Each structure stands twice: as C-alpha cells, then as structure tokens.
Amino acid sequence: MKELDSFLNEKKEEEKKPHATKDGRGADDKKYVRMMEEYKTLRRTDKESANKLLEKAFKLAKEGDVSSRAITAGAYI
C-alpha cells in the first residue's frame, strides 16, 4: 500500500510533464499537414483561397507548435 506522501508526489510529477505529444511531434502538426493538403487541392482551382490558406499555414508554422518533421512533410505534399 502506498503512503500518502508518495501518492501526492506522483500526482505532482504527472502535472509537470509537457503536453501529451509523442516523440518530437508538435501539438499543431496534424492541423498544419491538413492545411497543406487542402492547399494542394485548392491551388489548381481557386488561387486566391489557396494563397490565403498557405499564409495561414505558414503563420501556424511560425507561431504555433509545429515540428520540423511536419514542415518537411508539408513541403513534400
């Protein structure tokens, strides 16, 4: 049976852990990749909307939590 002090310390350690992302992935990776996929389809039909979406994606990459792996994946899409 655990002592109360060790139980409380475990809880504090769990709270100190960073956001639940895996192995160098950013919290906004999926959103960034989806935006780049949508940009790819839009750039053939509606260039204005595609450029606006691309600007949003670049802004997300600059200000958000996007890993370098996601940026590379977005470039290859």
C-alpha atoms as a PDB file:
ATOM      1  CA  MET A   1       0.000   0.000   0.000  1.00  0.00           C
ATOM      2  CA  LYS A   2       1.308   3.452  -0.926  1.00  0.00           C
ATOM      3  CA  GLU A   3       1.905   6.132   1.604  1.00  0.00           C
ATOM      4  CA  LEU A   4       0.043   9.391   1.208  1.00  0.00           C
ATOM      5  CA  ASP A   5       3.202  11.439   0.579  1.00  0.00           C
ATOM      6  CA  SER A   6       4.400   9.222  -2.274  1.00  0.00           C
ATOM      7  CA  PHE A   7       0.940   9.258  -3.830  1.00  0.00           C
ATOM      8  CA  LEU A   8       0.791  13.070  -3.755  1.00  0.00           C
ATOM      9  CA  ASN A   9       4.302  13.365  -5.197  1.00  0.00           C
ATOM     10  CA  GLU A  10       3.339  11.140  -8.129  1.00  0.00           C
ATOM     11  CA  LYS A  11       0.449  13.444  -8.938  1.00  0.00           C
ATOM     12  CA  LYS A  12       2.728  16.492  -8.913  1.00  0.00           C
ATOM     13  CA  GLU A  13       5.211  14.775 -11.241  1.00  0.00           C
ATOM     14  CA  GLU A  14       2.437  13.968 -13.720  1.00  0.00           C
ATOM     15  CA  GLU A  15       1.376  17.617 -13.787  1.00  0.00           C
ATOM     16  CA  LYS A  16       4.924  18.736 -14.631  1.00  0.00           C
ATOM     17  CA  LYS A  17       5.053  16.666 -17.813  1.00  0.00           C
ATOM     18  CA  PRO A  18       4.711  18.591 -21.090  1.00  0.00           C
ATOM     19  CA  HIS A  19       1.753  18.404 -23.423  1.00  0.00           C
ATOM     20  CA  ALA A  20       0.845  14.866 -24.466  1.00  0.00           C
ATOM     21  CA  THR A  21       2.730  14.743 -27.759  1.00  0.00           C
ATOM     22  CA  LYS A  22       4.849  11.878 -28.966  1.00  0.00           C
ATOM     23  CA  ASP A  23       8.498  11.765 -29.958  1.00  0.00           C
ATOM     24  CA  GLY A  24       9.156  15.320 -31.070  1.00  0.00           C
ATOM     25  CA  ARG A  25       5.761  15.920 -32.575  1.00  0.00           C
ATOM     26  CA  GLY A  26       4.193  19.318 -32.143  1.00  0.00           C
ATOM     27  CA  ALA A  27       0.669  19.887 -30.950  1.00  0.00           C
ATOM     28  CA  ASP A  28      -0.294  21.545 -34.247  1.00  0.00           C
ATOM     29  CA  ASP A  29       1.304  19.048 -36.622  1.00  0.00           C
ATOM     30  CA  LYS A  30      -1.898  17.422 -37.812  1.00  0.00           C
ATOM     31  CA  LYS A  31      -3.566  20.766 -38.404  1.00  0.00           C
ATOM     32  CA  TYR A  32      -0.583  22.029 -40.403  1.00  0.00           C
ATOM     33  CA  VAL A  33      -0.422  18.923 -42.601  1.00  0.00           C
ATOM     34  CA  ARG A  34      -4.186  19.082 -43.233  1.00  0.00           C
ATOM     35  CA  MET A  35      -3.869  22.714 -44.251  1.00  0.00           C
ATOM     36  CA  MET A  36      -1.097  21.870 -46.690  1.00  0.00           C
ATOM     37  CA  GLU A  37      -3.158  19.023 -48.171  1.00  0.00           C
ATOM     38  CA  GLU A  38      -6.099  21.354 -48.655  1.00  0.00           C
ATOM     39  CA  TYR A  39      -3.776  23.937 -50.202  1.00  0.00           C
ATOM     40  CA  LYS A  40      -2.636  21.373 -52.747  1.00  0.00           C
ATOM     41  CA  THR A  41      -6.180  20.747 -53.946  1.00  0.00           C
ATOM     42  CA  LEU A  42      -7.189  24.425 -53.899  1.00  0.00           C
ATOM     43  CA  ARG A  43      -4.185  25.756 -55.798  1.00  0.00           C
ATOM     44  CA  ARG A  44      -5.461  24.233 -59.043  1.00  0.00           C
ATOM     45  CA  THR A  45      -8.937  25.737 -58.892  1.00  0.00           C
ATOM     46  CA  ASP A  46      -9.019  28.815 -56.627  1.00  0.00           C
ATOM     47  CA  LYS A  47      -5.664  30.532 -56.387  1.00  0.00           C
ATOM     48  CA  GLU A  48      -6.797  33.333 -54.059  1.00  0.00           C
ATOM     49  CA  SER A  49      -8.184  30.957 -51.442  1.00  0.00           C
ATOM     50  CA  ALA A  50      -5.124  28.750 -51.816  1.00  0.00           C
ATOM     51  CA  ASN A  51      -2.772  31.661 -51.157  1.00  0.00           C
ATOM     52  CA  LYS A  52      -4.757  32.715 -48.073  1.00  0.00           C
ATOM     53  CA  LEU A  53      -4.644  29.162 -46.756  1.00  0.00           C
ATOM     54  CA  LEU A  54      -0.914  28.953 -47.418  1.00  0.00           C
ATOM     55  CA  GLU A  55      -0.354  32.177 -45.455  1.00  0.00           C
ATOM     56  CA  LYS A  56      -2.345  30.730 -42.534  1.00  0.00           C
ATOM     57  CA  ALA A  57      -0.291  27.542 -42.650  1.00  0.00           C
ATOM     58  CA  PHE A  58       2.982  29.487 -42.640  1.00  0.00           C
ATOM     59  CA  LYS A  59       1.750  31.618 -39.759  1.00  0.00           C
ATOM     60  CA  LEU A  60       0.822  28.451 -37.830  1.00  0.00           C
ATOM     61  CA  ALA A  61       4.271  27.003 -38.511  1.00  0.00           C
ATOM     62  CA  LYS A  62       5.938  30.179 -37.289  1.00  0.00           C
ATOM     63  CA  GLU A  63       3.828  30.905 -34.211  1.00  0.00           C
ATOM     64  CA  GLY A  64       2.338  27.517 -33.342  1.00  0.00           C
ATOM     65  CA  ASP A  65       3.793  24.258 -32.123  1.00  0.00           C
ATOM     66  CA  VAL A  66       4.717  22.609 -35.424  1.00  0.00           C
ATOM     67  CA  SER A  67       7.676  20.249 -35.553  1.00  0.00           C
ATOM     68  CA  SER A  68      10.297  20.277 -38.294  1.00  0.00           C
ATOM     69  CA  ARG A  69       9.076  16.841 -39.402  1.00  0.00           C
ATOM     70  CA  ALA A  70       5.609  18.244 -40.127  1.00  0.00           C
ATOM     71  CA  ILE A  71       7.079  21.170 -42.042  1.00  0.00           C
ATOM     72  CA  THR A  72       9.093  18.761 -44.159  1.00  0.00           C
ATOM     73  CA  ALA A  73       6.008  16.586 -44.728  1.00  0.00           C
ATOM     74  CA  GLY A  74       4.032  19.651 -45.777  1.00  0.00           C
ATOM     75  CA  ALA A  75       6.714  20.539 -48.307  1.00  0.00           C
ATOM     76  CA  TYR A  76       6.506  17.080 -49.883  1.00  0.00           C
ATOM     77  CA  ILE A  77       2.715  17.090 -50.218  1.00  0.00           C
END
